[in-house]
Amino acid sequence: MPPKNKTKKTTMKNPEKSENDFEAKYRRSVLDVAVLQDHIALQCESVKKVQSDRIDLRRRMRHTEQKLQHERQDHRDVNSDLSRQYNTMQTELTNKVKRMEKEVSQLTEELVACLYAFVLCQEELSKEKREREQVEREKDATIAKLQHKLGNMETDYEKILHENLDGLTSQLSVARRGWEDKSTTLHQNYKELLSEFGLNARHI
């Protein structure tokens, strides 16, 4: 489990770099497959040519043997030499064919391995894309959740602000009434005091 988490964290930190790495591997795999296919095609052509040469050599040998049947007494040494050359060439061609067939087999195995790696690379790339899309969805869901929470907080703050303003308005109204009552009482006291001195408050 820890390695998966570590891989996921790395993907979340730098998904573009991981995707670029897999795309580079993908392109290298495609080039390797093309090179191996060309190499196999050349080897197959070489094998066909060798087999064609061997068939042609056999045909020539049969023709020579038919001709030698009429001149066997005079050309016994030539026939022996040609037989030896034929056997030598046959052995060389057979060995060459076996060697090329083995090389083609090895190249085919390499091609299969390369194709397998190519498929794995594609699967890994698809996995990385799916993980990145999952991260994007989770991020969008988190953003939406935070936005919703922020909206609720704004509503709550607005409600609290209105409640505080309403309370402050009520307190100001009460204080205003107290000031008005106190002002009226002071005004009345001043009027009475002026009246005691024989002054009219309206004339002052």
N, C-alpha and C. Protein backbone atom coordinates (compact mmCIF):
# COMPACT_ATOMS: atom_id res chain seq x y z
N MET A 1 0.80 -1.23 0.00
CA MET A 1 0.00 0.00 0.00
C MET A 1 0.83 1.28 0.00
N PRO A 2 1.91 1.43 0.81
CA PRO A 2 2.70 2.68 0.80
C PRO A 2 3.24 3.03 -0.57
N PRO A 3 3.77 2.06 -1.37
CA PRO A 3 4.30 2.46 -2.68
C PRO A 3 3.23 3.08 -3.56
N LYS A 4 1.95 2.52 -3.46
CA LYS A 4 0.90 3.11 -4.28
C LYS A 4 0.63 4.54 -3.89
N ASN A 5 0.60 4.81 -2.57
CA ASN A 5 0.39 6.18 -2.10
C ASN A 5 1.49 7.09 -2.58
N LYS A 6 2.73 6.57 -2.52
CA LYS A 6 3.88 7.39 -2.96
C LYS A 6 3.76 7.72 -4.43
N THR A 7 3.35 6.72 -5.22
CA THR A 7 3.18 6.96 -6.66
C THR A 7 2.07 7.95 -6.91
N LYS A 8 0.99 7.82 -6.14
CA LYS A 8 -0.13 8.74 -6.33
C LYS A 8 0.25 10.16 -5.95
N LYS A 9 1.02 10.30 -4.85
CA LYS A 9 1.47 11.64 -4.45
C LYS A 9 2.35 12.25 -5.53
N THR A 10 3.23 11.44 -6.08
CA THR A 10 4.12 11.95 -7.14
C THR A 10 3.31 12.38 -8.34
N THR A 11 2.29 11.61 -8.65
CA THR A 11 1.45 11.95 -9.80
C THR A 11 0.69 13.24 -9.54
N MET A 12 0.21 13.40 -8.28
CA MET A 12 -0.52 14.61 -7.97
C MET A 12 0.38 15.83 -7.97
N LYS A 13 1.66 15.63 -7.59
CA LYS A 13 2.58 16.78 -7.57
C LYS A 13 2.95 17.21 -8.97
N ASN A 14 3.22 16.28 -9.85
CA ASN A 14 3.71 16.64 -11.19
C ASN A 14 3.12 15.69 -12.24
N PRO A 15 1.78 15.77 -12.51
CA PRO A 15 1.18 14.85 -13.47
C PRO A 15 1.68 15.08 -14.88
N GLU A 16 2.02 16.34 -15.24
CA GLU A 16 2.45 16.61 -16.62
C GLU A 16 3.79 15.96 -16.91
N LYS A 17 4.71 15.98 -15.94
CA LYS A 17 6.02 15.36 -16.15
C LYS A 17 5.87 13.86 -16.34
N SER A 18 5.02 13.21 -15.49
CA SER A 18 4.82 11.77 -15.61
C SER A 18 4.22 11.42 -16.96
N GLU A 19 3.25 12.23 -17.41
CA GLU A 19 2.63 11.97 -18.71
C GLU A 19 3.63 12.14 -19.84
N ASN A 20 4.49 13.15 -19.77
CA ASN A 20 5.52 13.36 -20.81
C ASN A 20 6.48 12.19 -20.86
N ASP A 21 6.87 11.64 -19.68
CA ASP A 21 7.78 10.49 -19.64
C ASP A 21 7.16 9.29 -20.34
N PHE A 22 5.88 9.03 -20.07
CA PHE A 22 5.25 7.87 -20.69
C PHE A 22 5.03 8.09 -22.18
N GLU A 23 4.76 9.31 -22.58
CA GLU A 23 4.63 9.58 -24.02
C GLU A 23 5.96 9.42 -24.74
N ALA A 24 7.07 9.81 -24.07
CA ALA A 24 8.40 9.61 -24.67
C ALA A 24 8.70 8.12 -24.80
N LYS A 25 8.39 7.33 -23.76
CA LYS A 25 8.59 5.89 -23.84
C LYS A 25 7.74 5.28 -24.95
N TYR A 26 6.53 5.81 -25.08
CA TYR A 26 5.63 5.32 -26.13
C TYR A 26 6.23 5.57 -27.51
N ARG A 27 6.77 6.78 -27.74
CA ARG A 27 7.36 7.08 -29.05
C ARG A 27 8.60 6.23 -29.29
N ARG A 28 9.42 6.03 -28.26
CA ARG A 28 10.60 5.17 -28.44
C ARG A 28 10.19 3.74 -28.77
N SER A 29 9.12 3.26 -28.13
CA SER A 29 8.66 1.90 -28.42
C SER A 29 8.18 1.77 -29.86
N VAL A 30 7.47 2.80 -30.35
CA VAL A 30 7.00 2.78 -31.74
C VAL A 30 8.19 2.73 -32.70
N LEU A 31 9.23 3.55 -32.43
CA LEU A 31 10.43 3.54 -33.29
C LEU A 31 11.13 2.20 -33.25
N ASP A 32 11.25 1.60 -32.04
CA ASP A 32 11.89 0.29 -31.91
C ASP A 32 11.13 -0.76 -32.69
N VAL A 33 9.81 -0.73 -32.64
CA VAL A 33 8.99 -1.70 -33.38
C VAL A 33 9.22 -1.55 -34.88
N ALA A 34 9.26 -0.30 -35.36
CA ALA A 34 9.47 -0.07 -36.79
C ALA A 34 10.84 -0.58 -37.24
N VAL A 35 11.88 -0.32 -36.42
CA VAL A 35 13.24 -0.77 -36.76
C VAL A 35 13.31 -2.29 -36.80
N LEU A 36 12.71 -2.94 -35.79
CA LEU A 36 12.73 -4.40 -35.76
C LEU A 36 11.96 -5.00 -36.93
N GLN A 37 10.85 -4.39 -37.30
CA GLN A 37 10.09 -4.89 -38.44
C GLN A 37 10.89 -4.79 -39.73
N ASP A 38 11.59 -3.66 -39.91
CA ASP A 38 12.44 -3.50 -41.10
C ASP A 38 13.56 -4.53 -41.11
N HIS A 39 14.16 -4.76 -39.95
CA HIS A 39 15.27 -5.73 -39.85
C HIS A 39 14.77 -7.13 -40.19
N ILE A 40 13.59 -7.50 -39.66
CA ILE A 40 13.02 -8.82 -39.94
C ILE A 40 12.70 -8.96 -41.42
N ALA A 41 12.17 -7.88 -42.02
CA ALA A 41 11.86 -7.93 -43.46
C ALA A 41 13.12 -8.18 -44.28
N LEU A 42 14.22 -7.50 -43.91
CA LEU A 42 15.49 -7.70 -44.63
C LEU A 42 16.00 -9.12 -44.45
N GLN A 43 15.90 -9.65 -43.23
CA GLN A 43 16.36 -11.02 -42.98
C GLN A 43 15.51 -12.03 -43.75
N CYS A 44 14.21 -11.79 -43.81
CA CYS A 44 13.33 -12.70 -44.56
C CYS A 44 13.70 -12.70 -46.05
N GLU A 45 13.99 -11.50 -46.57
CA GLU A 45 14.40 -11.42 -47.97
C GLU A 45 15.71 -12.16 -48.20
N SER A 46 16.63 -12.06 -47.24
CA SER A 46 17.91 -12.76 -47.37
C SER A 46 17.70 -14.27 -47.34
N VAL A 47 16.81 -14.73 -46.46
CA VAL A 47 16.52 -16.17 -46.38
C VAL A 47 15.92 -16.66 -47.69
N LYS A 48 14.97 -15.86 -48.22
CA LYS A 48 14.36 -16.26 -49.49
C LYS A 48 15.39 -16.34 -50.60
N LYS A 49 16.33 -15.38 -50.61
CA LYS A 49 17.37 -15.39 -51.64
C LYS A 49 18.28 -16.61 -51.50
N VAL A 50 18.64 -16.93 -50.25
CA VAL A 50 19.49 -18.10 -50.03
C VAL A 50 18.77 -19.37 -50.46
N GLN A 51 17.49 -19.48 -50.11
CA GLN A 51 16.73 -20.66 -50.51
C GLN A 51 16.60 -20.74 -52.02
N SER A 52 16.39 -19.56 -52.65
CA SER A 52 16.32 -19.54 -54.11
C SER A 52 17.64 -19.97 -54.73
N ASP A 53 18.76 -19.48 -54.13
CA ASP A 53 20.08 -19.88 -54.62
C ASP A 53 20.30 -21.38 -54.46
N ARG A 54 19.81 -21.92 -53.35
CA ARG A 54 19.98 -23.35 -53.12
C ARG A 54 19.17 -24.15 -54.14
N ILE A 55 17.94 -23.69 -54.41
CA ILE A 55 17.12 -24.39 -55.41
C ILE A 55 17.77 -24.31 -56.79
N ASP A 56 18.28 -23.09 -57.08
CA ASP A 56 18.96 -22.92 -58.37
C ASP A 56 20.20 -23.80 -58.45
N LEU A 57 20.94 -23.91 -57.36
CA LEU A 57 22.14 -24.75 -57.33
C LEU A 57 21.77 -26.22 -57.53
N ARG A 58 20.68 -26.63 -56.89
CA ARG A 58 20.25 -28.02 -57.08
C ARG A 58 19.86 -28.28 -58.54
N ARG A 59 19.16 -27.30 -59.10
CA ARG A 59 18.77 -27.46 -60.50
C ARG A 59 19.99 -27.57 -61.39
N ARG A 60 20.96 -26.69 -61.15
CA ARG A 60 22.20 -26.74 -61.93
C ARG A 60 22.95 -28.05 -61.72
N MET A 61 22.92 -28.52 -60.45
CA MET A 61 23.61 -29.77 -60.16
C MET A 61 22.95 -30.94 -60.88
N ARG A 62 21.63 -30.95 -60.87
CA ARG A 62 20.95 -32.03 -61.60
C ARG A 62 21.27 -31.99 -63.10
N HIS A 63 21.28 -30.77 -63.61
CA HIS A 63 21.61 -30.62 -65.02
C HIS A 63 23.04 -31.08 -65.31
N THR A 64 23.93 -30.71 -64.43
CA THR A 64 25.33 -31.13 -64.60
C THR A 64 25.48 -32.64 -64.49
N GLU A 65 24.75 -33.23 -63.53
CA GLU A 65 24.82 -34.68 -63.38
C GLU A 65 24.29 -35.41 -64.61
N GLN A 66 23.21 -34.87 -65.17
CA GLN A 66 22.70 -35.48 -66.40
C GLN A 66 23.71 -35.40 -67.55
N LYS A 67 24.38 -34.27 -67.59
CA LYS A 67 25.40 -34.10 -68.63
C LYS A 67 26.60 -35.00 -68.37
N LEU A 68 26.92 -35.13 -67.09
CA LEU A 68 28.08 -35.94 -66.74
C LEU A 68 27.84 -37.43 -66.97
N GLN A 69 26.60 -37.81 -66.96
CA GLN A 69 26.31 -39.23 -67.21
C GLN A 69 26.82 -39.66 -68.60
N HIS A 70 26.82 -38.73 -69.54
CA HIS A 70 27.30 -39.05 -70.88
C HIS A 70 28.83 -38.95 -70.98
N GLU A 71 29.42 -38.28 -70.03
CA GLU A 71 30.87 -38.10 -70.09
C GLU A 71 31.53 -38.58 -68.81
N ARG A 72 30.91 -39.52 -68.13
CA ARG A 72 31.41 -39.93 -66.83
C ARG A 72 32.84 -40.47 -66.88
N GLN A 73 33.15 -41.20 -67.93
CA GLN A 73 34.48 -41.80 -68.01
C GLN A 73 35.57 -40.74 -68.15
N ASP A 74 35.28 -39.71 -68.93
CA ASP A 74 36.31 -38.70 -69.18
C ASP A 74 36.31 -37.58 -68.13
N HIS A 75 35.21 -37.47 -67.46
CA HIS A 75 35.10 -36.31 -66.53
C HIS A 75 34.85 -36.77 -65.09
N ARG A 76 35.41 -37.88 -64.74
CA ARG A 76 35.19 -38.39 -63.40
C ARG A 76 35.76 -37.42 -62.35
N ASP A 77 36.93 -36.84 -62.61
CA ASP A 77 37.53 -35.91 -61.65
C ASP A 77 36.69 -34.63 -61.50
N VAL A 78 36.18 -34.19 -62.67
CA VAL A 78 35.35 -32.97 -62.63
C VAL A 78 34.09 -33.21 -61.81
N ASN A 79 33.51 -34.38 -62.05
CA ASN A 79 32.27 -34.71 -61.32
C ASN A 79 32.53 -34.77 -59.82
N SER A 80 33.65 -35.36 -59.44
CA SER A 80 33.99 -35.46 -58.02
C SER A 80 34.18 -34.07 -57.42
N ASP A 81 34.87 -33.21 -58.18
CA ASP A 81 35.10 -31.85 -57.68
C ASP A 81 33.80 -31.08 -57.54
N LEU A 82 32.94 -31.24 -58.53
CA LEU A 82 31.65 -30.55 -58.45
C LEU A 82 30.81 -31.07 -57.29
N SER A 83 30.89 -32.37 -57.08
CA SER A 83 30.15 -32.94 -55.94
C SER A 83 30.67 -32.36 -54.63
N ARG A 84 31.98 -32.28 -54.53
CA ARG A 84 32.56 -31.72 -53.33
C ARG A 84 32.13 -30.26 -53.14
N GLN A 85 32.21 -29.50 -54.26
CA GLN A 85 31.78 -28.09 -54.19
C GLN A 85 30.29 -27.99 -53.80
N TYR A 86 29.53 -28.89 -54.39
CA TYR A 86 28.09 -28.87 -54.08
C TYR A 86 27.85 -29.14 -52.60
N ASN A 87 28.53 -30.18 -52.09
CA ASN A 87 28.36 -30.51 -50.68
C ASN A 87 28.81 -29.37 -49.77
N THR A 88 29.95 -28.77 -50.17
CA THR A 88 30.45 -27.64 -49.37
C THR A 88 29.46 -26.48 -49.39
N MET A 89 29.00 -26.13 -50.58
CA MET A 89 28.04 -25.02 -50.71
C MET A 89 26.73 -25.37 -50.02
N GLN A 90 26.31 -26.64 -50.15
CA GLN A 90 25.09 -27.07 -49.49
C GLN A 90 25.20 -26.91 -47.97
N THR A 91 26.35 -27.32 -47.45
CA THR A 91 26.57 -27.20 -46.01
C THR A 91 26.60 -25.74 -45.59
N GLU A 92 27.31 -24.93 -46.35
CA GLU A 92 27.40 -23.50 -46.03
C GLU A 92 26.02 -22.84 -46.09
N LEU A 93 25.28 -23.15 -47.16
CA LEU A 93 23.96 -22.55 -47.31
C LEU A 93 23.01 -23.03 -46.21
N THR A 94 23.12 -24.32 -45.87
CA THR A 94 22.27 -24.85 -44.80
C THR A 94 22.59 -24.16 -43.48
N ASN A 95 23.87 -24.03 -43.20
CA ASN A 95 24.28 -23.34 -41.97
C ASN A 95 23.83 -21.88 -41.98
N LYS A 96 23.97 -21.26 -43.16
CA LYS A 96 23.56 -19.86 -43.26
C LYS A 96 22.06 -19.71 -43.05
N VAL A 97 21.30 -20.64 -43.64
CA VAL A 97 19.85 -20.60 -43.47
C VAL A 97 19.49 -20.80 -41.99
N LYS A 98 20.13 -21.77 -41.34
CA LYS A 98 19.85 -22.01 -39.92
C LYS A 98 20.20 -20.79 -39.09
N ARG A 99 21.35 -20.19 -39.40
CA ARG A 99 21.78 -19.01 -38.66
C ARG A 99 20.79 -17.86 -38.84
N MET A 100 20.35 -17.67 -40.08
CA MET A 100 19.39 -16.58 -40.34
C MET A 100 18.03 -16.88 -39.72
N GLU A 101 17.63 -18.14 -39.75
CA GLU A 101 16.36 -18.50 -39.11
C GLU A 101 16.42 -18.25 -37.61
N LYS A 102 17.58 -18.58 -37.01
CA LYS A 102 17.75 -18.32 -35.59
C LYS A 102 17.71 -16.82 -35.30
N GLU A 103 18.36 -16.05 -36.17
CA GLU A 103 18.36 -14.60 -35.99
C GLU A 103 16.95 -14.03 -36.14
N VAL A 104 16.22 -14.55 -37.12
CA VAL A 104 14.83 -14.10 -37.30
C VAL A 104 14.00 -14.46 -36.07
N SER A 105 14.24 -15.66 -35.52
CA SER A 105 13.52 -16.06 -34.31
C SER A 105 13.83 -15.12 -33.15
N GLN A 106 15.13 -14.79 -32.99
CA GLN A 106 15.51 -13.87 -31.92
C GLN A 106 14.88 -12.49 -32.12
N LEU A 107 14.93 -12.03 -33.38
CA LEU A 107 14.33 -10.72 -33.66
C LEU A 107 12.82 -10.75 -33.42
N THR A 108 12.20 -11.89 -33.73
CA THR A 108 10.76 -12.00 -33.48
C THR A 108 10.47 -11.95 -31.99
N GLU A 109 11.31 -12.64 -31.19
CA GLU A 109 11.15 -12.58 -29.73
C GLU A 109 11.33 -11.15 -29.22
N GLU A 110 12.34 -10.46 -29.77
CA GLU A 110 12.55 -9.07 -29.36
C GLU A 110 11.36 -8.20 -29.74
N LEU A 111 10.81 -8.48 -30.93
CA LEU A 111 9.65 -7.71 -31.37
C LEU A 111 8.46 -7.96 -30.45
N VAL A 112 8.25 -9.23 -30.06
CA VAL A 112 7.15 -9.55 -29.14
C VAL A 112 7.36 -8.85 -27.80
N ALA A 113 8.62 -8.91 -27.30
CA ALA A 113 8.92 -8.23 -26.03
C ALA A 113 8.68 -6.73 -26.15
N CYS A 114 9.09 -6.17 -27.28
CA CYS A 114 8.91 -4.73 -27.49
C CYS A 114 7.42 -4.38 -27.56
N LEU A 115 6.65 -5.22 -28.25
CA LEU A 115 5.21 -4.99 -28.33
C LEU A 115 4.57 -5.12 -26.94
N TYR A 116 5.06 -6.08 -26.15
CA TYR A 116 4.54 -6.24 -24.79
C TYR A 116 4.83 -4.99 -23.95
N ALA A 117 6.07 -4.50 -24.09
CA ALA A 117 6.43 -3.27 -23.38
C ALA A 117 5.60 -2.09 -23.87
N PHE A 118 5.32 -2.09 -25.16
CA PHE A 118 4.51 -1.02 -25.75
C PHE A 118 3.10 -1.05 -25.17
N VAL A 119 2.53 -2.26 -25.05
CA VAL A 119 1.19 -2.39 -24.47
C VAL A 119 1.18 -1.97 -23.01
N LEU A 120 2.22 -2.40 -22.27
CA LEU A 120 2.32 -2.00 -20.86
C LEU A 120 2.43 -0.49 -20.73
N CYS A 121 3.20 0.12 -21.64
CA CYS A 121 3.36 1.58 -21.61
C CYS A 121 2.02 2.26 -21.87
N GLN A 122 1.27 1.73 -22.84
CA GLN A 122 -0.05 2.30 -23.12
C GLN A 122 -0.98 2.16 -21.91
N GLU A 123 -0.95 0.97 -21.27
CA GLU A 123 -1.79 0.77 -20.09
C GLU A 123 -1.38 1.71 -18.96
N GLU A 124 -0.08 1.87 -18.77
CA GLU A 124 0.41 2.77 -17.71
C GLU A 124 0.01 4.21 -18.00
N LEU A 125 0.11 4.58 -19.29
CA LEU A 125 -0.28 5.94 -19.67
C LEU A 125 -1.78 6.16 -19.43
N SER A 126 -2.59 5.15 -19.79
CA SER A 126 -4.03 5.25 -19.54
C SER A 126 -4.32 5.35 -18.04
N LYS A 127 -3.56 4.56 -17.24
CA LYS A 127 -3.74 4.60 -15.79
C LYS A 127 -3.41 5.98 -15.25
N GLU A 128 -2.30 6.55 -15.74
CA GLU A 128 -1.90 7.89 -15.28
C GLU A 128 -2.97 8.93 -15.65
N LYS A 129 -3.53 8.79 -16.86
CA LYS A 129 -4.57 9.73 -17.29
C LYS A 129 -5.80 9.60 -16.41
N ARG A 130 -6.17 8.33 -16.09
CA ARG A 130 -7.34 8.13 -15.24
C ARG A 130 -7.11 8.70 -13.85
N GLU A 131 -5.90 8.49 -13.31
CA GLU A 131 -5.59 9.03 -11.98
C GLU A 131 -5.61 10.55 -12.00
N ARG A 132 -5.08 11.15 -13.08
CA ARG A 132 -5.08 12.60 -13.15
C ARG A 132 -6.52 13.13 -13.25
N GLU A 133 -7.35 12.43 -14.04
CA GLU A 133 -8.75 12.85 -14.14
C GLU A 133 -9.45 12.72 -12.79
N GLN A 134 -9.11 11.65 -12.03
CA GLN A 134 -9.69 11.48 -10.69
C GLN A 134 -9.27 12.62 -9.77
N VAL A 135 -7.99 12.99 -9.86
CA VAL A 135 -7.48 14.11 -9.05
C VAL A 135 -8.21 15.39 -9.42
N GLU A 136 -8.41 15.60 -10.73
CA GLU A 136 -9.12 16.81 -11.18
C GLU A 136 -10.54 16.82 -10.64
N ARG A 137 -11.21 15.64 -10.69
CA ARG A 137 -12.58 15.58 -10.18
C ARG A 137 -12.62 15.86 -8.68
N GLU A 138 -11.66 15.26 -7.95
CA GLU A 138 -11.62 15.50 -6.51
C GLU A 138 -11.34 16.97 -6.21
N LYS A 139 -10.43 17.58 -6.99
CA LYS A 139 -10.12 18.99 -6.79
C LYS A 139 -11.36 19.85 -7.05
N ASP A 140 -12.07 19.54 -8.16
CA ASP A 140 -13.28 20.32 -8.47
C ASP A 140 -14.33 20.15 -7.38
N ALA A 141 -14.47 18.90 -6.87
CA ALA A 141 -15.45 18.67 -5.81
C ALA A 141 -15.07 19.44 -4.54
N THR A 142 -13.76 19.45 -4.23
CA THR A 142 -13.30 20.19 -3.05
C THR A 142 -13.55 21.69 -3.21
N ILE A 143 -13.25 22.21 -4.42
CA ILE A 143 -13.48 23.63 -4.68
C ILE A 143 -14.96 23.97 -4.53
N ALA A 144 -15.82 23.10 -5.10
CA ALA A 144 -17.26 23.35 -5.02
C ALA A 144 -17.73 23.31 -3.56
N LYS A 145 -17.18 22.35 -2.79
CA LYS A 145 -17.54 22.25 -1.38
C LYS A 145 -17.10 23.49 -0.61
N LEU A 146 -15.88 23.95 -0.88
CA LEU A 146 -15.38 25.15 -0.20
C LEU A 146 -16.17 26.39 -0.60
N GLN A 147 -16.53 26.47 -1.89
CA GLN A 147 -17.34 27.61 -2.33
C GLN A 147 -18.70 27.61 -1.64
N HIS A 148 -19.30 26.39 -1.52
CA HIS A 148 -20.58 26.29 -0.83
C HIS A 148 -20.44 26.69 0.64
N LYS A 149 -19.36 26.21 1.26
CA LYS A 149 -19.11 26.56 2.66
C LYS A 149 -18.88 28.05 2.82
N LEU A 150 -18.13 28.65 1.85
CA LEU A 150 -17.89 30.09 1.88
C LEU A 150 -19.19 30.86 1.74
N GLY A 151 -20.06 30.37 0.86
CA GLY A 151 -21.36 31.03 0.71
C GLY A 151 -22.17 30.97 1.99
N ASN A 152 -22.15 29.82 2.65
CA ASN A 152 -22.87 29.70 3.92
C ASN A 152 -22.27 30.62 4.99
N MET A 153 -20.94 30.71 4.99
CA MET A 153 -20.27 31.59 5.97
C MET A 153 -20.65 33.04 5.71
N GLU A 154 -20.68 33.44 4.41
CA GLU A 154 -21.07 34.82 4.10
C GLU A 154 -22.50 35.10 4.56
N THR A 155 -23.36 34.09 4.34
CA THR A 155 -24.75 34.27 4.79
C THR A 155 -24.82 34.41 6.31
N ASP A 156 -24.05 33.54 7.01
CA ASP A 156 -24.04 33.61 8.48
C ASP A 156 -23.47 34.94 8.97
N TYR A 157 -22.37 35.38 8.34
CA TYR A 157 -21.78 36.67 8.74
C TYR A 157 -22.75 37.82 8.48
N GLU A 158 -23.43 37.75 7.36
CA GLU A 158 -24.40 38.81 7.04
C GLU A 158 -25.54 38.82 8.06
N LYS A 159 -25.98 37.62 8.46
CA LYS A 159 -27.05 37.53 9.46
C LYS A 159 -26.58 38.10 10.80
N ILE A 160 -25.35 37.70 11.19
CA ILE A 160 -24.79 38.21 12.46
C ILE A 160 -24.64 39.72 12.41
N LEU A 161 -24.17 40.25 11.25
CA LEU A 161 -24.00 41.70 11.11
C LEU A 161 -25.33 42.42 11.25
N HIS A 162 -26.36 41.88 10.59
CA HIS A 162 -27.68 42.52 10.69
C HIS A 162 -28.20 42.47 12.13
N GLU A 163 -27.99 41.32 12.78
CA GLU A 163 -28.45 41.22 14.18
C GLU A 163 -27.73 42.23 15.06
N ASN A 164 -26.40 42.36 14.86
CA ASN A 164 -25.64 43.33 15.66
C ASN A 164 -26.07 44.76 15.37
N LEU A 165 -26.30 45.04 14.05
CA LEU A 165 -26.76 46.39 13.69
C LEU A 165 -28.13 46.68 14.29
N ASP A 166 -29.01 45.67 14.25
CA ASP A 166 -30.35 45.87 14.84
C ASP A 166 -30.22 46.12 16.35
N GLY A 167 -29.34 45.35 17.02
CA GLY A 167 -29.13 45.54 18.46
C GLY A 167 -28.55 46.92 18.75
N LEU A 168 -27.58 47.33 17.92
CA LEU A 168 -26.97 48.63 18.12
C LEU A 168 -27.98 49.75 17.91
N THR A 169 -28.84 49.56 16.89
CA THR A 169 -29.89 50.57 16.63
C THR A 169 -30.83 50.67 17.82
N SER A 170 -31.18 49.50 18.38
CA SER A 170 -32.06 49.50 19.56
C SER A 170 -31.39 50.21 20.74
N GLN A 171 -30.10 49.92 20.94
CA GLN A 171 -29.37 50.57 22.04
C GLN A 171 -29.29 52.08 21.82
N LEU A 172 -29.04 52.50 20.55
CA LEU A 172 -28.99 53.93 20.26
C LEU A 172 -30.34 54.60 20.50
N SER A 173 -31.42 53.88 20.17
CA SER A 173 -32.76 54.45 20.40
C SER A 173 -33.01 54.65 21.88
N VAL A 174 -32.62 53.62 22.67
CA VAL A 174 -32.80 53.73 24.12
C VAL A 174 -31.97 54.87 24.69
N ALA A 175 -30.69 54.98 24.22
CA ALA A 175 -29.82 56.05 24.71
C ALA A 175 -30.36 57.41 24.30
N ARG A 176 -30.90 57.44 23.06
CA ARG A 176 -31.45 58.73 22.59
C ARG A 176 -32.62 59.17 23.45
N ARG A 177 -33.48 58.22 23.77
CA ARG A 177 -34.62 58.56 24.63
C ARG A 177 -34.14 59.03 26.01
N GLY A 178 -33.07 58.36 26.50
CA GLY A 178 -32.53 58.78 27.80
C GLY A 178 -31.97 60.19 27.73
N TRP A 179 -31.23 60.47 26.60
CA TRP A 179 -30.68 61.82 26.47
C TRP A 179 -31.78 62.88 26.33
N GLU A 180 -32.82 62.52 25.58
CA GLU A 180 -33.92 63.47 25.40
C GLU A 180 -34.62 63.76 26.73
N ASP A 181 -34.83 62.68 27.52
CA ASP A 181 -35.48 62.87 28.83
C ASP A 181 -34.61 63.72 29.74
N LYS A 182 -33.29 63.40 29.75
CA LYS A 182 -32.37 64.16 30.58
C LYS A 182 -32.29 65.62 30.14
N SER A 183 -32.29 65.82 28.77
CA SER A 183 -32.23 67.19 28.23
C SER A 183 -33.49 67.98 28.61
N THR A 184 -34.62 67.30 28.53
CA THR A 184 -35.90 67.97 28.90
C THR A 184 -35.89 68.36 30.38
N THR A 185 -35.39 67.45 31.22
CA THR A 185 -35.34 67.74 32.65
C THR A 185 -34.41 68.92 32.94
N LEU A 186 -33.21 68.93 32.28
CA LEU A 186 -32.27 70.04 32.47
C LEU A 186 -32.87 71.36 31.98
N HIS A 187 -33.54 71.29 30.83
CA HIS A 187 -34.14 72.49 30.27
C HIS A 187 -35.20 73.06 31.23
N GLN A 188 -35.99 72.14 31.79
CA GLN A 188 -37.03 72.59 32.72
C GLN A 188 -36.40 73.20 33.97
N ASN A 189 -35.32 72.61 34.44
CA ASN A 189 -34.64 73.14 35.63
C ASN A 189 -34.08 74.53 35.35
N TYR A 190 -33.47 74.70 34.16
CA TYR A 190 -32.94 76.01 33.80
C TYR A 190 -34.05 77.06 33.72
N LYS A 191 -35.20 76.66 33.15
CA LYS A 191 -36.33 77.59 33.05
C LYS A 191 -36.80 78.04 34.44
N GLU A 192 -36.88 77.06 35.33
CA GLU A 192 -37.33 77.39 36.69
C GLU A 192 -36.30 78.28 37.39
N LEU A 193 -35.03 77.99 37.17
CA LEU A 193 -33.99 78.80 37.80
C LEU A 193 -34.02 80.23 37.27
N LEU A 194 -34.19 80.40 35.97
CA LEU A 194 -34.29 81.73 35.37
C LEU A 194 -35.53 82.48 35.88
N SER A 195 -36.60 81.70 36.05
CA SER A 195 -37.83 82.33 36.53
C SER A 195 -37.62 82.88 37.94
N GLU A 196 -36.84 82.17 38.75
CA GLU A 196 -36.57 82.64 40.11
C GLU A 196 -35.82 83.97 40.08
N PHE A 197 -34.99 84.18 39.06
CA PHE A 197 -34.28 85.45 38.93
C PHE A 197 -35.06 86.49 38.13
N GLY A 198 -36.28 86.16 37.77
CA GLY A 198 -37.14 87.10 37.06
C GLY A 198 -36.81 87.21 35.59
N LEU A 199 -36.19 86.16 35.01
CA LEU A 199 -35.83 86.18 33.59
C LEU A 199 -36.74 85.23 32.83
N ASN A 200 -36.97 85.61 31.60
CA ASN A 200 -37.81 84.77 30.73
C ASN A 200 -36.85 84.02 29.77
N ALA A 201 -36.98 82.71 29.76
CA ALA A 201 -36.08 81.88 28.94
C ALA A 201 -36.25 82.17 27.45
N ARG A 202 -37.40 82.65 27.05
CA ARG A 202 -37.62 82.92 25.63
C ARG A 202 -36.85 84.13 25.17
N HIS A 203 -36.57 85.06 26.12
CA HIS A 203 -35.86 86.28 25.73
C HIS A 203 -34.35 86.11 25.74
N ILE A 204 -33.86 84.98 26.17
CA ILE A 204 -32.42 84.75 26.25
C ILE A 204 -31.97 84.00 24.98
